[in-house]
Amino acid sequence: MNKIFGYVLICAGLMLILFALTGMYKVFVNGAAAAPIIQLADLQLNTAYGPVIVPMKSASQVVNLGLFAIFMVFVVSAGGKIAGIGNGLVKNERIYEALLANPSAAKDPDSLKNL
């Protein structure tokens, strides 16, 4: 049962990693729009020559791209952790099966290294 659950976790982790990588590829290489999380309002500066309006559209894009990249890095690391947990379950199940097949291997330290 642990082996099946381990393989499911490995697949889920890999799917999360692939989802994040394809999302980053679409946004940063193909030029698709990132989700607009923050929209900055135009900035008005009062100077000696009168008010100057600074458009913040490009700054909003940069902030949204940065937040998108941070979120996707988080998703990749979460997928890696999930796949690592699945790998640990599969590895432990393999060791248990090897010990059940050969109970005398638990007493010899050299044979434990081969598991």
PDB file of N, CA and C in Angstrom:
ATOM      1  N   MET A   1       0.825  -1.195   0.000  1.00  0.00           N
ATOM      2  CA  MET A   1       0.000   0.000   0.000  1.00  0.00           C
ATOM      3  C   MET A   1       0.863   1.250   0.000  1.00  0.00           C
ATOM      4  N   ASN A   2       1.949   1.236   0.781  1.00  0.00           N
ATOM      5  CA  ASN A   2       2.831   2.399   0.810  1.00  0.00           C
ATOM      6  C   ASN A   2       3.502   2.627  -0.531  1.00  0.00           C
ATOM      7  N   LYS A   3       3.763   1.538  -1.247  1.00  0.00           N
ATOM      8  CA  LYS A   3       4.415   1.668  -2.546  1.00  0.00           C
ATOM      9  C   LYS A   3       3.496   2.384  -3.537  1.00  0.00           C
ATOM     10  N   ILE A   4       2.233   2.012  -3.545  1.00  0.00           N
ATOM     11  CA  ILE A   4       1.274   2.647  -4.448  1.00  0.00           C
ATOM     12  C   ILE A   4       1.108   4.116  -4.086  1.00  0.00           C
ATOM     13  N   PHE A   5       0.951   4.397  -2.804  1.00  0.00           N
ATOM     14  CA  PHE A   5       0.805   5.783  -2.355  1.00  0.00           C
ATOM     15  C   PHE A   5       2.069   6.585  -2.662  1.00  0.00           C
ATOM     16  N   GLY A   6       3.227   5.958  -2.549  1.00  0.00           N
ATOM     17  CA  GLY A   6       4.482   6.631  -2.872  1.00  0.00           C
ATOM     18  C   GLY A   6       4.553   7.003  -4.340  1.00  0.00           C
ATOM     19  N   TYR A   7       4.160   6.085  -5.218  1.00  0.00           N
ATOM     20  CA  TYR A   7       4.166   6.396  -6.645  1.00  0.00           C
ATOM     21  C   TYR A   7       3.141   7.473  -6.996  1.00  0.00           C
ATOM     22  N   VAL A   8       2.002   7.474  -6.312  1.00  0.00           N
ATOM     23  CA  VAL A   8       1.002   8.524  -6.534  1.00  0.00           C
ATOM     24  C   VAL A   8       1.570   9.884  -6.112  1.00  0.00           C
ATOM     25  N   LEU A   9       2.266   9.916  -4.979  1.00  0.00           N
ATOM     26  CA  LEU A   9       2.874  11.177  -4.540  1.00  0.00           C
ATOM     27  C   LEU A   9       3.977  11.637  -5.490  1.00  0.00           C
ATOM     28  N   ILE A  10       4.757  10.716  -6.002  1.00  0.00           N
ATOM     29  CA  ILE A  10       5.790  11.080  -6.970  1.00  0.00           C
ATOM     30  C   ILE A  10       5.147  11.686  -8.217  1.00  0.00           C
ATOM     31  N   CYS A  11       4.087  11.055  -8.715  1.00  0.00           N
ATOM     32  CA  CYS A  11       3.398  11.580  -9.897  1.00  0.00           C
ATOM     33  C   CYS A  11       2.770  12.944  -9.622  1.00  0.00           C
ATOM     34  N   ALA A  12       2.173  13.114  -8.441  1.00  0.00           N
ATOM     35  CA  ALA A  12       1.569  14.399  -8.102  1.00  0.00           C
ATOM     36  C   ALA A  12       2.635  15.492  -8.007  1.00  0.00           C
ATOM     37  N   GLY A  13       3.765  15.183  -7.420  1.00  0.00           N
ATOM     38  CA  GLY A  13       4.849  16.154  -7.324  1.00  0.00           C
ATOM     39  C   GLY A  13       5.386  16.542  -8.687  1.00  0.00           C
ATOM     40  N   LEU A  14       5.556  15.551  -9.551  1.00  0.00           N
ATOM     41  CA  LEU A  14       6.032  15.843 -10.899  1.00  0.00           C
ATOM     42  C   LEU A  14       5.017  16.659 -11.692  1.00  0.00           C
ATOM     43  N   MET A  15       3.738  16.391 -11.485  1.00  0.00           N
ATOM     44  CA  MET A  15       2.705  17.179 -12.173  1.00  0.00           C
ATOM     45  C   MET A  15       2.716  18.635 -11.703  1.00  0.00           C
ATOM     46  N   LEU A  16       2.914  18.854 -10.410  1.00  0.00           N
ATOM     47  CA  LEU A  16       3.018  20.227  -9.912  1.00  0.00           C
ATOM     48  C   LEU A  16       4.223  20.945 -10.507  1.00  0.00           C
ATOM     49  N   ILE A  17       5.334  20.255 -10.590  1.00  0.00           N
ATOM     50  CA  ILE A  17       6.540  20.854 -11.158  1.00  0.00           C
ATOM     51  C   ILE A  17       6.316  21.192 -12.631  1.00  0.00           C
ATOM     52  N   LEU A  18       5.731  20.257 -13.386  1.00  0.00           N
ATOM     53  CA  LEU A  18       5.471  20.518 -14.804  1.00  0.00           C
ATOM     54  C   LEU A  18       4.472  21.654 -15.001  1.00  0.00           C
ATOM     55  N   PHE A  19       3.448  21.717 -14.138  1.00  0.00           N
ATOM     56  CA  PHE A  19       2.482  22.810 -14.213  1.00  0.00           C
ATOM     57  C   PHE A  19       3.167  24.158 -14.015  1.00  0.00           C
ATOM     58  N   ALA A  20       4.030  24.240 -13.010  1.00  0.00           N
ATOM     59  CA  ALA A  20       4.705  25.504 -12.731  1.00  0.00           C
ATOM     60  C   ALA A  20       5.669  25.879 -13.856  1.00  0.00           C
ATOM     61  N   LEU A  21       6.393  24.901 -14.369  1.00  0.00           N
ATOM     62  CA  LEU A  21       7.353  25.199 -15.435  1.00  0.00           C
ATOM     63  C   LEU A  21       6.659  25.626 -16.723  1.00  0.00           C
ATOM     64  N   THR A  22       5.545  24.979 -17.074  1.00  0.00           N
ATOM     65  CA  THR A  22       4.826  25.398 -18.281  1.00  0.00           C
ATOM     66  C   THR A  22       4.191  26.773 -18.087  1.00  0.00           C
ATOM     67  N   GLY A  23       3.709  27.054 -16.885  1.00  0.00           N
ATOM     68  CA  GLY A  23       3.165  28.380 -16.617  1.00  0.00           C
ATOM     69  C   GLY A  23       4.225  29.460 -16.734  1.00  0.00           C
ATOM     70  N   MET A  24       5.401  29.202 -16.199  1.00  0.00           N
ATOM     71  CA  MET A  24       6.489  30.177 -16.306  1.00  0.00           C
ATOM     72  C   MET A  24       6.945  30.322 -17.753  1.00  0.00           C
ATOM     73  N   TYR A  25       6.976  29.220 -18.495  1.00  0.00           N
ATOM     74  CA  TYR A  25       7.363  29.289 -19.896  1.00  0.00           C
ATOM     75  C   TYR A  25       6.373  30.136 -20.694  1.00  0.00           C
ATOM     76  N   LYS A  26       5.078  29.923 -20.448  1.00  0.00           N
ATOM     77  CA  LYS A  26       4.063  30.691 -21.168  1.00  0.00           C
ATOM     78  C   LYS A  26       4.165  32.177 -20.873  1.00  0.00           C
ATOM     79  N   VAL A  27       4.432  32.526 -19.636  1.00  0.00           N
ATOM     80  CA  VAL A  27       4.462  33.939 -19.267  1.00  0.00           C
ATOM     81  C   VAL A  27       5.770  34.609 -19.685  1.00  0.00           C
ATOM     82  N   PHE A  28       6.904  33.972 -19.395  1.00  0.00           N
ATOM     83  CA  PHE A  28       8.181  34.637 -19.608  1.00  0.00           C
ATOM     84  C   PHE A  28       8.743  34.458 -21.012  1.00  0.00           C
ATOM     85  N   VAL A  29       8.378  33.397 -21.728  1.00  0.00           N
ATOM     86  CA  VAL A  29       8.923  33.193 -23.075  1.00  0.00           C
ATOM     87  C   VAL A  29       7.890  33.555 -24.140  1.00  0.00           C
ATOM     88  N   ASN A  30       6.685  33.040 -24.016  1.00  0.00           N
ATOM     89  CA  ASN A  30       5.663  33.309 -25.028  1.00  0.00           C
ATOM     90  C   ASN A  30       4.985  34.662 -24.863  1.00  0.00           C
ATOM     91  N   GLY A  31       5.164  35.306 -23.741  1.00  0.00           N
ATOM     92  CA  GLY A  31       4.601  36.640 -23.541  1.00  0.00           C
ATOM     93  C   GLY A  31       3.149  36.662 -23.111  1.00  0.00           C
ATOM     94  N   ALA A  32       2.635  35.577 -22.571  1.00  0.00           N
ATOM     95  CA  ALA A  32       1.266  35.588 -22.055  1.00  0.00           C
ATOM     96  C   ALA A  32       1.210  36.491 -20.819  1.00  0.00           C
ATOM     97  N   ALA A  33       0.049  37.023 -20.564  1.00  0.00           N
ATOM     98  CA  ALA A  33      -0.100  37.943 -19.444  1.00  0.00           C
ATOM     99  C   ALA A  33      -0.175  37.179 -18.128  1.00  0.00           C
ATOM    100  N   ALA A  34       0.538  37.681 -17.144  1.00  0.00           N
ATOM    101  CA  ALA A  34       0.438  37.118 -15.795  1.00  0.00           C
ATOM    102  C   ALA A  34      -0.839  37.650 -15.150  1.00  0.00           C
ATOM    103  N   ALA A  35      -1.304  36.957 -14.136  1.00  0.00           N
ATOM    104  CA  ALA A  35      -2.518  37.384 -13.447  1.00  0.00           C
ATOM    105  C   ALA A  35      -2.281  38.735 -12.783  1.00  0.00           C
ATOM    106  N   PRO A  36      -3.173  39.700 -13.030  1.00  0.00           N
ATOM    107  CA  PRO A  36      -2.988  41.031 -12.414  1.00  0.00           C
ATOM    108  C   PRO A  36      -3.374  41.002 -10.937  1.00  0.00           C
ATOM    109  N   ILE A  37      -2.387  40.868 -10.088  1.00  0.00           N
ATOM    110  CA  ILE A  37      -2.622  40.811  -8.654  1.00  0.00           C
ATOM    111  C   ILE A  37      -2.638  42.219  -8.067  1.00  0.00           C
ATOM    112  N   ILE A  38      -1.666  43.007  -8.480  1.00  0.00           N
ATOM    113  CA  ILE A  38      -1.538  44.375  -7.969  1.00  0.00           C
ATOM    114  C   ILE A  38      -1.624  45.341  -9.136  1.00  0.00           C
ATOM    115  N   GLN A  39      -2.452  46.363  -8.983  1.00  0.00           N
ATOM    116  CA  GLN A  39      -2.534  47.417  -9.981  1.00  0.00           C
ATOM    117  C   GLN A  39      -2.217  48.737  -9.286  1.00  0.00           C
ATOM    118  N   LEU A  40      -1.102  49.307  -9.665  1.00  0.00           N
ATOM    119  CA  LEU A  40      -0.670  50.558  -9.063  1.00  0.00           C
ATOM    120  C   LEU A  40      -1.323  51.733  -9.790  1.00  0.00           C
ATOM    121  N   ALA A  41      -1.754  52.705  -9.025  1.00  0.00           N
ATOM    122  CA  ALA A  41      -2.361  53.898  -9.605  1.00  0.00           C
ATOM    123  C   ALA A  41      -1.269  54.840 -10.092  1.00  0.00           C
ATOM    124  N   ASP A  42      -1.625  55.668 -11.071  1.00  0.00           N
ATOM    125  CA  ASP A  42      -0.659  56.637 -11.572  1.00  0.00           C
ATOM    126  C   ASP A  42      -0.242  57.584 -10.455  1.00  0.00           C
ATOM    127  N   LEU A  43       1.011  57.966 -10.490  1.00  0.00           N
ATOM    128  CA  LEU A  43       1.599  58.791  -9.442  1.00  0.00           C
ATOM    129  C   LEU A  43       1.641  60.235  -9.916  1.00  0.00           C
ATOM    130  N   GLN A  44       1.172  61.159  -9.085  1.00  0.00           N
ATOM    131  CA  GLN A  44       1.203  62.573  -9.434  1.00  0.00           C
ATOM    132  C   GLN A  44       2.199  63.280  -8.526  1.00  0.00           C
ATOM    133  N   LEU A  45       3.201  63.874  -9.149  1.00  0.00           N
ATOM    134  CA  LEU A  45       4.228  64.601  -8.416  1.00  0.00           C
ATOM    135  C   LEU A  45       4.031  66.096  -8.627  1.00  0.00           C
ATOM    136  N   ASN A  46       4.077  66.834  -7.560  1.00  0.00           N
ATOM    137  CA  ASN A  46       3.993  68.294  -7.655  1.00  0.00           C
ATOM    138  C   ASN A  46       5.410  68.853  -7.688  1.00  0.00           C
ATOM    139  N   THR A  47       5.746  69.485  -8.796  1.00  0.00           N
ATOM    140  CA  THR A  47       7.073  70.070  -8.950  1.00  0.00           C
ATOM    141  C   THR A  47       6.944  71.577  -9.075  1.00  0.00           C
ATOM    142  N   ALA A  48       8.074  72.245  -9.208  1.00  0.00           N
ATOM    143  CA  ALA A  48       8.066  73.703  -9.362  1.00  0.00           C
ATOM    144  C   ALA A  48       7.474  74.092 -10.707  1.00  0.00           C
ATOM    145  N   TYR A  49       7.495  73.200 -11.680  1.00  0.00           N
ATOM    146  CA  TYR A  49       6.962  73.501 -13.007  1.00  0.00           C
ATOM    147  C   TYR A  49       5.523  73.055 -13.181  1.00  0.00           C
ATOM    148  N   GLY A  50       4.928  72.531 -12.115  1.00  0.00           N
ATOM    149  CA  GLY A  50       3.546  72.086 -12.166  1.00  0.00           C
ATOM    150  C   GLY A  50       3.456  70.588 -11.880  1.00  0.00           C
ATOM    151  N   PRO A  51       2.254  70.089 -11.820  1.00  0.00           N
ATOM    152  CA  PRO A  51       2.099  68.653 -11.523  1.00  0.00           C
ATOM    153  C   PRO A  51       2.547  67.787 -12.703  1.00  0.00           C
ATOM    154  N   VAL A  52       3.232  66.688 -12.361  1.00  0.00           N
ATOM    155  CA  VAL A  52       3.695  65.717 -13.355  1.00  0.00           C
ATOM    156  C   VAL A  52       3.075  64.373 -13.006  1.00  0.00           C
ATOM    157  N   ILE A  53       2.458  63.742 -14.007  1.00  0.00           N
ATOM    158  CA  ILE A  53       1.839  62.429 -13.791  1.00  0.00           C
ATOM    159  C   ILE A  53       2.795  61.366 -14.317  1.00  0.00           C
ATOM    160  N   VAL A  54       3.132  60.418 -13.424  1.00  0.00           N
ATOM    161  CA  VAL A  54       4.018  59.308 -13.776  1.00  0.00           C
ATOM    162  C   VAL A  54       3.150  58.061 -13.965  1.00  0.00           C
ATOM    163  N   PRO A  55       3.104  57.507 -15.199  1.00  0.00           N
ATOM    164  CA  PRO A  55       2.299  56.291 -15.402  1.00  0.00           C
ATOM    165  C   PRO A  55       2.963  55.086 -14.724  1.00  0.00           C
ATOM    166  N   MET A  56       2.152  54.279 -14.050  1.00  0.00           N
ATOM    167  CA  MET A  56       2.662  53.137 -13.285  1.00  0.00           C
ATOM    168  C   MET A  56       2.283  51.791 -13.914  1.00  0.00           C
ATOM    169  N   LYS A  57       1.870  51.808 -15.180  1.00  0.00           N
ATOM    170  CA  LYS A  57       1.470  50.563 -15.822  1.00  0.00           C
ATOM    171  C   LYS A  57       2.645  49.591 -15.931  1.00  0.00           C
ATOM    172  N   SER A  58       3.805  50.074 -16.317  1.00  0.00           N
ATOM    173  CA  SER A  58       4.958  49.176 -16.450  1.00  0.00           C
ATOM    174  C   SER A  58       5.439  48.692 -15.086  1.00  0.00           C
ATOM    175  N   ALA A  59       5.346  49.540 -14.069  1.00  0.00           N
ATOM    176  CA  ALA A  59       5.729  49.112 -12.720  1.00  0.00           C
ATOM    177  C   ALA A  59       4.771  48.033 -12.214  1.00  0.00           C
ATOM    178  N   SER A  60       3.496  48.142 -12.544  1.00  0.00           N
ATOM    179  CA  SER A  60       2.526  47.114 -12.159  1.00  0.00           C
ATOM    180  C   SER A  60       2.855  45.789 -12.832  1.00  0.00           C
ATOM    181  N   GLN A  61       3.266  45.848 -14.102  1.00  0.00           N
ATOM    182  CA  GLN A  61       3.638  44.626 -14.802  1.00  0.00           C
ATOM    183  C   GLN A  61       4.843  43.961 -14.154  1.00  0.00           C
ATOM    184  N   VAL A  62       5.839  44.747 -13.791  1.00  0.00           N
ATOM    185  CA  VAL A  62       7.046  44.205 -13.169  1.00  0.00           C
ATOM    186  C   VAL A  62       6.709  43.567 -11.823  1.00  0.00           C
ATOM    187  N   VAL A  63       5.887  44.230 -11.034  1.00  0.00           N
ATOM    188  CA  VAL A  63       5.498  43.689  -9.726  1.00  0.00           C
ATOM    189  C   VAL A  63       4.702  42.401  -9.898  1.00  0.00           C
ATOM    190  N   ASN A  64       3.774  42.372 -10.851  1.00  0.00           N
ATOM    191  CA  ASN A  64       2.973  41.163 -11.081  1.00  0.00           C
ATOM    192  C   ASN A  64       3.833  40.009 -11.587  1.00  0.00           C
ATOM    193  N   LEU A  65       4.803  40.300 -12.459  1.00  0.00           N
ATOM    194  CA  LEU A  65       5.702  39.242 -12.924  1.00  0.00           C
ATOM    195  C   LEU A  65       6.561  38.704 -11.786  1.00  0.00           C
ATOM    196  N   GLY A  66       7.023  39.578 -10.906  1.00  0.00           N
ATOM    197  CA  GLY A  66       7.813  39.139  -9.757  1.00  0.00           C
ATOM    198  C   GLY A  66       7.002  38.271  -8.813  1.00  0.00           C
ATOM    199  N   LEU A  67       5.772  38.674  -8.522  1.00  0.00           N
ATOM    200  CA  LEU A  67       4.911  37.871  -7.654  1.00  0.00           C
ATOM    201  C   LEU A  67       4.563  36.530  -8.293  1.00  0.00           C
ATOM    202  N   PHE A  68       4.341  36.529  -9.605  1.00  0.00           N
ATOM    203  CA  PHE A  68       4.063  35.282 -10.318  1.00  0.00           C
ATOM    204  C   PHE A  68       5.265  34.344 -10.242  1.00  0.00           C
ATOM    205  N   ALA A  69       6.463  34.881 -10.430  1.00  0.00           N
ATOM    206  CA  ALA A  69       7.671  34.054 -10.367  1.00  0.00           C
ATOM    207  C   ALA A  69       7.867  33.482  -8.968  1.00  0.00           C
ATOM    208  N   ILE A  70       7.629  34.286  -7.943  1.00  0.00           N
ATOM    209  CA  ILE A  70       7.766  33.805  -6.567  1.00  0.00           C
ATOM    210  C   ILE A  70       6.761  32.688  -6.291  1.00  0.00           C
ATOM    211  N   PHE A  71       5.526  32.852  -6.754  1.00  0.00           N
ATOM    212  CA  PHE A  71       4.508  31.824  -6.544  1.00  0.00           C
ATOM    213  C   PHE A  71       4.869  30.540  -7.272  1.00  0.00           C
ATOM    214  N   MET A  72       5.371  30.642  -8.495  1.00  0.00           N
ATOM    215  CA  MET A  72       5.725  29.447  -9.254  1.00  0.00           C
ATOM    216  C   MET A  72       6.939  28.736  -8.656  1.00  0.00           C
ATOM    217  N   VAL A  73       7.877  29.475  -8.104  1.00  0.00           N
ATOM    218  CA  VAL A  73       9.008  28.845  -7.415  1.00  0.00           C
ATOM    219  C   VAL A  73       8.504  28.103  -6.178  1.00  0.00           C
ATOM    220  N   PHE A  74       7.526  28.674  -5.491  1.00  0.00           N
ATOM    221  CA  PHE A  74       6.910  27.994  -4.350  1.00  0.00           C
ATOM    222  C   PHE A  74       6.227  26.701  -4.791  1.00  0.00           C
ATOM    223  N   VAL A  75       5.520  26.730  -5.923  1.00  0.00           N
ATOM    224  CA  VAL A  75       4.835  25.535  -6.419  1.00  0.00           C
ATOM    225  C   VAL A  75       5.856  24.465  -6.811  1.00  0.00           C
ATOM    226  N   VAL A  76       6.964  24.880  -7.437  1.00  0.00           N
ATOM    227  CA  VAL A  76       8.006  23.920  -7.808  1.00  0.00           C
ATOM    228  C   VAL A  76       8.617  23.283  -6.564  1.00  0.00           C
ATOM    229  N   SER A  77       8.882  24.097  -5.540  1.00  0.00           N
ATOM    230  CA  SER A  77       9.469  23.523  -4.322  1.00  0.00           C
ATOM    231  C   SER A  77       8.469  22.613  -3.601  1.00  0.00           C
ATOM    232  N   ALA A  78       7.196  22.956  -3.619  1.00  0.00           N
ATOM    233  CA  ALA A  78       6.184  22.083  -3.014  1.00  0.00           C
ATOM    234  C   ALA A  78       6.091  20.769  -3.782  1.00  0.00           C
ATOM    235  N   GLY A  79       6.143  20.827  -5.105  1.00  0.00           N
ATOM    236  CA  GLY A  79       6.132  19.606  -5.905  1.00  0.00           C
ATOM    237  C   GLY A  79       7.348  18.747  -5.631  1.00  0.00           C
ATOM    238  N   GLY A  80       8.493  19.381  -5.440  1.00  0.00           N
ATOM    239  CA  GLY A  80       9.704  18.633  -5.103  1.00  0.00           C
ATOM    240  C   GLY A  80       9.599  17.956  -3.756  1.00  0.00           C
ATOM    241  N   LYS A  81       9.021  18.654  -2.781  1.00  0.00           N
ATOM    242  CA  LYS A  81       8.842  18.050  -1.452  1.00  0.00           C
ATOM    243  C   LYS A  81       7.879  16.865  -1.515  1.00  0.00           C
ATOM    244  N   ILE A  82       6.785  17.022  -2.262  1.00  0.00           N
ATOM    245  CA  ILE A  82       5.798  15.944  -2.371  1.00  0.00           C
ATOM    246  C   ILE A  82       6.426  14.735  -3.067  1.00  0.00           C
ATOM    247  N   ALA A  83       7.170  14.978  -4.136  1.00  0.00           N
ATOM    248  CA  ALA A  83       7.833  13.875  -4.830  1.00  0.00           C
ATOM    249  C   ALA A  83       8.896  13.231  -3.935  1.00  0.00           C
ATOM    250  N   GLY A  84       9.565  14.016  -3.110  1.00  0.00           N
ATOM    251  CA  GLY A  84      10.554  13.463  -2.178  1.00  0.00           C
ATOM    252  C   GLY A  84       9.918  12.580  -1.125  1.00  0.00           C
ATOM    253  N   ILE A  85       8.744  12.972  -0.643  1.00  0.00           N
ATOM    254  CA  ILE A  85       8.023  12.134   0.321  1.00  0.00           C
ATOM    255  C   ILE A  85       7.624  10.817  -0.337  1.00  0.00           C
ATOM    256  N   GLY A  86       7.139  10.890  -1.580  1.00  0.00           N
ATOM    257  CA  GLY A  86       6.789   9.664  -2.297  1.00  0.00           C
ATOM    258  C   GLY A  86       7.994   8.780  -2.529  1.00  0.00           C
ATOM    259  N   ASN A  87       9.129   9.388  -2.835  1.00  0.00           N
ATOM    260  CA  ASN A  87      10.357   8.620  -3.030  1.00  0.00           C
ATOM    261  C   ASN A  87      10.768   7.926  -1.731  1.00  0.00           C
ATOM    262  N   GLY A  88      10.618   8.602  -0.617  1.00  0.00           N
ATOM    263  CA  GLY A  88      10.932   7.984   0.673  1.00  0.00           C
ATOM    264  C   GLY A  88      10.034   6.806   0.982  1.00  0.00           C
ATOM    265  N   LEU A  89       8.743   6.921   0.647  1.00  0.00           N
ATOM    266  CA  LEU A  89       7.821   5.803   0.880  1.00  0.00           C
ATOM    267  C   LEU A  89       8.187   4.602   0.013  1.00  0.00           C
ATOM    268  N   VAL A  90       8.512   4.847  -1.233  1.00  0.00           N
ATOM    269  CA  VAL A  90       8.881   3.737  -2.127  1.00  0.00           C
ATOM    270  C   VAL A  90      10.183   3.101  -1.668  1.00  0.00           C
ATOM    271  N   LYS A  91      11.130   3.928  -1.248  1.00  0.00           N
ATOM    272  CA  LYS A  91      12.423   3.410  -0.796  1.00  0.00           C
ATOM    273  C   LYS A  91      12.255   2.567   0.470  1.00  0.00           C
ATOM    274  N   ASN A  92      11.479   3.052   1.431  1.00  0.00           N
ATOM    275  CA  ASN A  92      11.252   2.286   2.663  1.00  0.00           C
ATOM    276  C   ASN A  92      10.546   0.974   2.385  1.00  0.00           C
ATOM    277  N   GLU A  93       9.597   0.990   1.475  1.00  0.00           N
ATOM    278  CA  GLU A  93       8.880  -0.245   1.137  1.00  0.00           C
ATOM    279  C   GLU A  93       9.838  -1.253   0.493  1.00  0.00           C
ATOM    280  N   ARG A  94      10.765  -0.775  -0.316  1.00  0.00           N
ATOM    281  CA  ARG A  94      11.741  -1.668  -0.944  1.00  0.00           C
ATOM    282  C   ARG A  94      12.662  -2.287   0.108  1.00  0.00           C
ATOM    283  N   ILE A  95      13.065  -1.490   1.098  1.00  0.00           N
ATOM    284  CA  ILE A  95      13.922  -2.005   2.168  1.00  0.00           C
ATOM    285  C   ILE A  95      13.167  -3.031   3.012  1.00  0.00           C
ATOM    286  N   TYR A  96      11.899  -2.738   3.322  1.00  0.00           N
ATOM    287  CA  TYR A  96      11.109  -3.696   4.105  1.00  0.00           C
ATOM    288  C   TYR A  96      10.937  -5.013   3.362  1.00  0.00           C
ATOM    289  N   GLU A  97      10.684  -4.946   2.061  1.00  0.00           N
ATOM    290  CA  GLU A  97      10.519  -6.170   1.277  1.00  0.00           C
ATOM    291  C   GLU A  97      11.817  -6.970   1.234  1.00  0.00           C
ATOM    292  N   ALA A  98      12.947  -6.262   1.121  1.00  0.00           N
ATOM    293  CA  ALA A  98      14.236  -6.964   1.096  1.00  0.00           C
ATOM    294  C   ALA A  98      14.525  -7.618   2.438  1.00  0.00           C
ATOM    295  N   LEU A  99      14.176  -6.951   3.539  1.00  0.00           N
ATOM    296  CA  LEU A  99      14.397  -7.538   4.864  1.00  0.00           C
ATOM    297  C   LEU A  99      13.473  -8.714   5.130  1.00  0.00           C
ATOM    298  N   LEU A 100      12.251  -8.647   4.613  1.00  0.00           N
ATOM    299  CA  LEU A 100      11.346  -9.784   4.772  1.00  0.00           C
ATOM    300  C   LEU A 100      11.808 -10.979   3.953  1.00  0.00           C
ATOM    301  N   ALA A 101      12.391 -10.723   2.801  1.00  0.00           N
ATOM    302  CA  ALA A 101      12.874 -11.820   1.958  1.00  0.00           C
ATOM    303  C   ALA A 101      14.113 -12.481   2.545  1.00  0.00           C
ATOM    304  N   ASN A 102      14.938 -11.698   3.249  1.00  0.00           N
ATOM    305  CA  ASN A 102      16.183 -12.230   3.807  1.00  0.00           C
ATOM    306  C   ASN A 102      16.349 -11.687   5.225  1.00  0.00           C
ATOM    307  N   PRO A 103      15.766 -12.340   6.242  1.00  0.00           N
ATOM    308  CA  PRO A 103      15.834 -11.829   7.611  1.00  0.00           C
ATOM    309  C   PRO A 103      17.247 -11.799   8.195  1.00  0.00           C
ATOM    310  N   SER A 104      18.134 -12.624   7.691  1.00  0.00           N
ATOM    311  CA  SER A 104      19.499 -12.632   8.236  1.00  0.00           C
ATOM    312  C   SER A 104      20.300 -11.428   7.771  1.00  0.00           C
ATOM    313  N   ALA A 105      19.796 -10.671   6.801  1.00  0.00           N
ATOM    314  CA  ALA A 105      20.516  -9.499   6.305  1.00  0.00           C
ATOM    315  C   ALA A 105      20.523  -8.371   7.328  1.00  0.00           C
ATOM    316  N   ALA A 106      19.581  -8.383   8.248  1.00  0.00           N
ATOM    317  CA  ALA A 106      19.515  -7.318   9.268  1.00  0.00           C
ATOM    318  C   ALA A 106      20.658  -7.406  10.255  1.00  0.00           C
ATOM    319  N   LYS A 107      21.250  -8.594  10.399  1.00  0.00           N
ATOM    320  CA  LYS A 107      22.338  -8.775  11.361  1.00  0.00           C
ATOM    321  C   LYS A 107      23.703  -8.414  10.769  1.00  0.00           C
ATOM    322  N   ASP A 108      23.816  -8.429   9.454  1.00  0.00           N
ATOM    323  CA  ASP A 108      25.108  -8.156   8.809  1.00  0.00           C
ATOM    324  C   ASP A 108      25.107  -6.716   8.277  1.00  0.00           C
ATOM    325  N   PRO A 109      25.992  -5.842   8.800  1.00  0.00           N
ATOM    326  CA  PRO A 109      25.996  -4.428   8.375  1.00  0.00           C
ATOM    327  C   PRO A 109      26.367  -4.257   6.911  1.00  0.00           C
ATOM    328  N   ASP A 110      27.186  -5.144   6.355  1.00  0.00           N
ATOM    329  CA  ASP A 110      27.566  -4.998   4.953  1.00  0.00           C
ATOM    330  C   ASP A 110      26.410  -5.273   4.020  1.00  0.00           C
ATOM    331  N   SER A 111      25.548  -6.187   4.364  1.00  0.00           N
ATOM    332  CA  SER A 111      24.394  -6.470   3.515  1.00  0.00           C
ATOM    333  C   SER A 111      23.340  -5.366   3.615  1.00  0.00           C
ATOM    334  N   LEU A 112      23.304  -4.627   4.733  1.00  0.00           N
ATOM    335  CA  LEU A 112      22.381  -3.508   4.859  1.00  0.00           C
ATOM    336  C   LEU A 112      22.745  -2.361   3.923  1.00  0.00           C
ATOM    337  N   LYS A 113      24.046  -2.209   3.632  1.00  0.00           N
ATOM    338  CA  LYS A 113      24.475  -1.150   2.718  1.00  0.00           C
ATOM    339  C   LYS A 113      23.982  -1.430   1.304  1.00  0.00           C
ATOM    340  N   ASN A 114      23.811  -2.689   0.947  1.00  0.00           N
ATOM    341  CA  ASN A 114      23.360  -3.043  -0.401  1.00  0.00           C
ATOM    342  C   ASN A 114      21.865  -2.820  -0.584  1.00  0.00           C
ATOM    343  N   LEU A 115      21.120  -2.702   0.497  1.00  0.00           N
ATOM    344  CA  LEU A 115      19.680  -2.488   0.367  1.00  0.00           C
ATOM    345  C   LEU A 115      19.450  -1.080  -0.076  1.00  0.00           C
TER     346      LEU A 115
END
